[in-house]
Structure formats: C-alpha cells, structure tokens
Amino acid sequence: METIYRVNRKHLGYNVKRLREILGVKQEDLAERLHLTQQSVSKLENKEELDNEMLEKIANAMNIPSDAIKNFTDEGTVHIVSNTFSGHYSALYNNATINNPIEKIVQLYDEKVGLYERMLQSEKEKVALLEELLRDKSKA
C-alpha cells in the first residue's frame, strides 16, 4: 500500500483572496487602495509567493495584520479578523457587514424584558379588575 504525504504549503495569494472575500472587499477597492489595477490584484491573488513589502501593503490596505495573511486558515483567520476589525475600516469599504452576536443577544434580552414587563402590567390590571368585581359582588 502506497502512502501519500501532502505538504501544506502556504499560498499567500489565495490567503489574500480569502481574506478580501471575508471582509467583503472587492478587487477594485483593494486595487484602488494599493494604487494598482484590478487585473494586478487578480494576478497577486494567483501568486503562491508574495514579497514582504507587498504583503505589508496589502495588509495595511485591508487594515489587518500581515500575520493574518501569512498564517491563514479558514477557521483561524476569521477569529483574527473579527478581533482586529476597526471602525474606520467600514468607512473605507461601505459594503462590509459586521455581525456582532453580543449586541444581538443584548437586543433580544432587552426585548424579552420589555415583553415580560408588559405581560406583568397586563396581569396586574386583570387582578385589579377581578378584585373590583369581587368587592362589587360582596357589597351587593
């Protein structure tokens, strides 16, 4: 039986492409930030190796650390990007979507509290009405 070993080589161009896609940045937008053409960015994304200078320029243009590009994994990079994503980045690229689960949890919690408060108020009104009816019956 023959054993096949796979060498996990890093394809930096692929890493740039995946990060760009995760951030929701178009090739044209990245090209503009790098003062390149869209075709040049496409060629960069197809290169297996990128020099450190270009890697730093790309990282700065996407506002992420260059280590995120160098050490890309589909799982790990999402974590790095989400923890280093800054607010001014979305001003540069308006098509980026940020999903913050903690804010959503807080929002849902607040809605739940509001519903419970309204239900409690409704029940208090019912009790007051029933007590009034009971007093009227006992007087009669």
C-alpha atoms as a PDB file:
ATOM      1  CA  MET A   1       0.000   0.000   0.000  1.00  0.00           C
ATOM      2  CA  GLU A   2       1.350   3.404  -1.004  1.00  0.00           C
ATOM      3  CA  THR A   3       1.288   6.290   1.474  1.00  0.00           C
ATOM      4  CA  ILE A   4       0.804   9.789   0.115  1.00  0.00           C
ATOM      5  CA  TYR A   5       2.037  12.709   2.148  1.00  0.00           C
ATOM      6  CA  ARG A   6       0.690  16.161   1.480  1.00  0.00           C
ATOM      7  CA  VAL A   7       2.851  19.146   2.183  1.00  0.00           C
ATOM      8  CA  ASN A   8       0.812  22.091   3.356  1.00  0.00           C
ATOM      9  CA  ARG A   9       2.451  24.966   1.512  1.00  0.00           C
ATOM     10  CA  LYS A  10       1.073  28.392   2.086  1.00  0.00           C
ATOM     11  CA  HIS A  11      -0.395  30.064  -0.978  1.00  0.00           C
ATOM     12  CA  LEU A  12      -0.228  33.714   0.025  1.00  0.00           C
ATOM     13  CA  GLY A  13      -2.233  34.896  -2.983  1.00  0.00           C
ATOM     14  CA  TYR A  14      -5.071  32.552  -2.037  1.00  0.00           C
ATOM     15  CA  ASN A  15      -4.854  33.825   1.539  1.00  0.00           C
ATOM     16  CA  VAL A  16      -5.187  37.428   0.318  1.00  0.00           C
ATOM     17  CA  LYS A  17      -8.193  36.465  -1.798  1.00  0.00           C
ATOM     18  CA  ARG A  18      -9.964  34.630   1.043  1.00  0.00           C
ATOM     19  CA  LEU A  19      -9.373  37.459   3.499  1.00  0.00           C
ATOM     20  CA  ARG A  20     -10.575  40.002   0.957  1.00  0.00           C
ATOM     21  CA  GLU A  21     -13.731  37.937   0.445  1.00  0.00           C
ATOM     22  CA  ILE A  22     -14.279  37.507   4.202  1.00  0.00           C
ATOM     23  CA  LEU A  23     -14.011  41.274   4.649  1.00  0.00           C
ATOM     24  CA  GLY A  24     -16.372  41.873   1.736  1.00  0.00           C
ATOM     25  CA  VAL A  25     -13.816  43.937  -0.184  1.00  0.00           C
ATOM     26  CA  LYS A  26     -13.958  43.972  -3.977  1.00  0.00           C
ATOM     27  CA  GLN A  27     -10.805  43.581  -6.030  1.00  0.00           C
ATOM     28  CA  GLU A  28     -11.391  47.078  -7.435  1.00  0.00           C
ATOM     29  CA  ASP A  29     -11.483  48.581  -3.947  1.00  0.00           C
ATOM     30  CA  LEU A  30      -8.291  46.826  -2.896  1.00  0.00           C
ATOM     31  CA  ALA A  31      -6.618  47.846  -6.174  1.00  0.00           C
ATOM     32  CA  GLU A  32      -7.538  51.467  -5.537  1.00  0.00           C
ATOM     33  CA  ARG A  33      -6.054  51.362  -2.032  1.00  0.00           C
ATOM     34  CA  LEU A  34      -2.853  49.769  -3.400  1.00  0.00           C
ATOM     35  CA  HIS A  35      -2.703  52.165  -6.381  1.00  0.00           C
ATOM     36  CA  LEU A  36      -2.854  49.173  -8.736  1.00  0.00           C
ATOM     37  CA  THR A  37      -5.253  47.934 -11.370  1.00  0.00           C
ATOM     38  CA  GLN A  38      -7.896  45.300 -10.668  1.00  0.00           C
ATOM     39  CA  GLN A  39      -6.019  42.957 -13.012  1.00  0.00           C
ATOM     40  CA  SER A  40      -2.834  43.393 -10.934  1.00  0.00           C
ATOM     41  CA  VAL A  41      -4.712  42.424  -7.780  1.00  0.00           C
ATOM     42  CA  SER A  42      -6.079  39.378  -9.578  1.00  0.00           C
ATOM     43  CA  LYS A  43      -2.524  38.384 -10.556  1.00  0.00           C
ATOM     44  CA  LEU A  44      -1.342  38.879  -6.973  1.00  0.00           C
ATOM     45  CA  GLU A  45      -4.111  36.591  -5.737  1.00  0.00           C
ATOM     46  CA  ASN A  46      -2.908  33.878  -8.117  1.00  0.00           C
ATOM     47  CA  LYS A  47       0.713  34.052  -6.927  1.00  0.00           C
ATOM     48  CA  GLU A  48       1.853  31.458  -4.431  1.00  0.00           C
ATOM     49  CA  GLU A  49       4.594  33.706  -3.027  1.00  0.00           C
ATOM     50  CA  LEU A  50       4.474  37.431  -2.286  1.00  0.00           C
ATOM     51  CA  ASP A  51       7.389  39.571  -1.116  1.00  0.00           C
ATOM     52  CA  ASN A  52       7.186  41.025   2.393  1.00  0.00           C
ATOM     53  CA  GLU A  53       6.856  44.602   1.140  1.00  0.00           C
ATOM     54  CA  MET A  54       3.786  43.781  -0.968  1.00  0.00           C
ATOM     55  CA  LEU A  55       2.378  41.665   1.853  1.00  0.00           C
ATOM     56  CA  GLU A  56       2.647  44.639   4.234  1.00  0.00           C
ATOM     57  CA  LYS A  57       0.995  46.973   1.701  1.00  0.00           C
ATOM     58  CA  ILE A  58      -1.897  44.555   1.216  1.00  0.00           C
ATOM     59  CA  ALA A  59      -2.292  44.050   4.975  1.00  0.00           C
ATOM     60  CA  ASN A  60      -2.335  47.812   5.560  1.00  0.00           C
ATOM     61  CA  ALA A  61      -4.826  48.339   2.743  1.00  0.00           C
ATOM     62  CA  MET A  62      -7.174  45.754   4.280  1.00  0.00           C
ATOM     63  CA  ASN A  63      -6.417  47.006   7.811  1.00  0.00           C
ATOM     64  CA  ILE A  64      -5.377  43.591   9.104  1.00  0.00           C
ATOM     65  CA  PRO A  65      -2.058  42.304  10.446  1.00  0.00           C
ATOM     66  CA  SER A  66       0.252  40.763   7.857  1.00  0.00           C
ATOM     67  CA  ASP A  67       0.405  37.674  10.092  1.00  0.00           C
ATOM     68  CA  ALA A  68      -3.260  37.086   9.295  1.00  0.00           C
ATOM     69  CA  ILE A  69      -2.282  36.656   5.649  1.00  0.00           C
ATOM     70  CA  LYS A  70       0.839  34.597   6.360  1.00  0.00           C
ATOM     71  CA  ASN A  71      -0.840  32.234   8.822  1.00  0.00           C
ATOM     72  CA  PHE A  72      -4.191  31.916   7.092  1.00  0.00           C
ATOM     73  CA  THR A  73      -6.543  29.080   7.880  1.00  0.00           C
ATOM     74  CA  ASP A  74     -10.236  29.361   7.119  1.00  0.00           C
ATOM     75  CA  GLU A  75     -11.080  28.933  10.816  1.00  0.00           C
ATOM     76  CA  GLY A  76      -8.238  30.846  12.447  1.00  0.00           C
ATOM     77  CA  THR A  77      -8.249  33.897  10.235  1.00  0.00           C
ATOM     78  CA  VAL A  78     -11.916  34.613  10.830  1.00  0.00           C
ATOM     79  CA  HIS A  79     -11.044  34.892  14.519  1.00  0.00           C
ATOM     80  CA  ILE A  80      -8.049  37.185  13.873  1.00  0.00           C
ATOM     81  CA  VAL A  81     -10.013  39.424  11.512  1.00  0.00           C
ATOM     82  CA  SER A  82     -13.018  39.708  13.811  1.00  0.00           C
ATOM     83  CA  ASN A  83     -10.784  40.676  16.733  1.00  0.00           C
ATOM     84  CA  THR A  84      -8.778  43.300  14.812  1.00  0.00           C
ATOM     85  CA  PHE A  85     -11.565  44.802  12.713  1.00  0.00           C
ATOM     86  CA  SER A  86     -11.666  48.546  13.297  1.00  0.00           C
ATOM     87  CA  GLY A  87     -14.496  51.011  12.921  1.00  0.00           C
ATOM     88  CA  HIS A  88     -12.813  53.289  10.393  1.00  0.00           C
ATOM     89  CA  TYR A  89     -12.383  50.365   8.001  1.00  0.00           C
ATOM     90  CA  SER A  90     -16.100  50.239   7.282  1.00  0.00           C
ATOM     91  CA  ALA A  91     -15.947  53.903   6.294  1.00  0.00           C
ATOM     92  CA  LEU A  92     -13.442  52.959   3.590  1.00  0.00           C
ATOM     93  CA  TYR A  93     -15.415  49.973   2.381  1.00  0.00           C
ATOM     94  CA  ASN A  94     -19.118  50.535   2.820  1.00  0.00           C
ATOM     95  CA  ASN A  95     -20.007  47.044   1.585  1.00  0.00           C
ATOM     96  CA  ALA A  96     -18.571  45.330   4.690  1.00  0.00           C
ATOM     97  CA  THR A  97     -21.082  43.762   7.066  1.00  0.00           C
ATOM     98  CA  ILE A  98     -20.318  43.349  10.750  1.00  0.00           C
ATOM     99  CA  ASN A  99     -22.287  40.826  12.723  1.00  0.00           C
ATOM    100  CA  ASN A 100     -21.870  41.247  16.445  1.00  0.00           C
ATOM    101  CA  PRO A 101     -23.594  38.390  18.276  1.00  0.00           C
ATOM    102  CA  ILE A 102     -23.200  40.014  21.699  1.00  0.00           C
ATOM    103  CA  GLU A 103     -25.086  43.116  20.591  1.00  0.00           C
ATOM    104  CA  LYS A 104     -27.808  40.877  19.143  1.00  0.00           C
ATOM    105  CA  ILE A 105     -28.033  38.912  22.415  1.00  0.00           C
ATOM    106  CA  VAL A 106     -28.361  42.141  24.399  1.00  0.00           C
ATOM    107  CA  GLN A 107     -31.027  43.398  21.997  1.00  0.00           C
ATOM    108  CA  LEU A 108     -33.025  40.165  22.268  1.00  0.00           C
ATOM    109  CA  TYR A 109     -32.670  40.217  26.062  1.00  0.00           C
ATOM    110  CA  ASP A 110     -33.977  43.789  26.213  1.00  0.00           C
ATOM    111  CA  GLU A 111     -36.937  42.828  24.010  1.00  0.00           C
ATOM    112  CA  LYS A 112     -37.667  39.852  26.269  1.00  0.00           C
ATOM    113  CA  VAL A 113     -37.569  42.042  29.385  1.00  0.00           C
ATOM    114  CA  GLY A 114     -39.938  44.515  27.718  1.00  0.00           C
ATOM    115  CA  LEU A 115     -42.386  41.726  26.858  1.00  0.00           C
ATOM    116  CA  TYR A 116     -42.309  40.392  30.418  1.00  0.00           C
ATOM    117  CA  GLU A 117     -42.919  43.889  31.808  1.00  0.00           C
ATOM    118  CA  ARG A 118     -45.935  44.349  29.526  1.00  0.00           C
ATOM    119  CA  MET A 119     -47.289  40.902  30.485  1.00  0.00           C
ATOM    120  CA  LEU A 120     -46.840  41.718  34.186  1.00  0.00           C
ATOM    121  CA  GLN A 121     -48.655  45.029  33.777  1.00  0.00           C
ATOM    122  CA  SER A 122     -51.495  43.247  31.951  1.00  0.00           C
ATOM    123  CA  GLU A 123     -51.773  40.672  34.719  1.00  0.00           C
ATOM    124  CA  LYS A 124     -51.811  43.422  37.376  1.00  0.00           C
ATOM    125  CA  GLU A 125     -54.667  45.118  35.516  1.00  0.00           C
ATOM    126  CA  LYS A 126     -56.582  41.823  35.366  1.00  0.00           C
ATOM    127  CA  VAL A 127     -56.091  41.240  39.094  1.00  0.00           C
ATOM    128  CA  ALA A 128     -57.245  44.788  39.897  1.00  0.00           C
ATOM    129  CA  LEU A 129     -60.348  44.306  37.717  1.00  0.00           C
ATOM    130  CA  LEU A 130     -61.168  40.965  39.347  1.00  0.00           C
ATOM    131  CA  GLU A 131     -60.674  42.428  42.844  1.00  0.00           C
ATOM    132  CA  GLU A 132     -63.032  45.278  41.933  1.00  0.00           C
ATOM    133  CA  LEU A 133     -65.634  42.823  40.635  1.00  0.00           C
ATOM    134  CA  LEU A 134     -65.287  40.764  43.810  1.00  0.00           C
ATOM    135  CA  ARG A 135     -65.799  43.858  46.020  1.00  0.00           C
ATOM    136  CA  ASP A 136     -68.873  44.844  43.999  1.00  0.00           C
ATOM    137  CA  LYS A 137     -70.333  41.327  44.396  1.00  0.00           C
ATOM    138  CA  SER A 138     -69.648  41.215  48.126  1.00  0.00           C
ATOM    139  CA  LYS A 139     -71.334  44.624  48.637  1.00  0.00           C
ATOM    140  CA  ALA A 140     -74.430  43.505  46.828  1.00  0.00           C
END
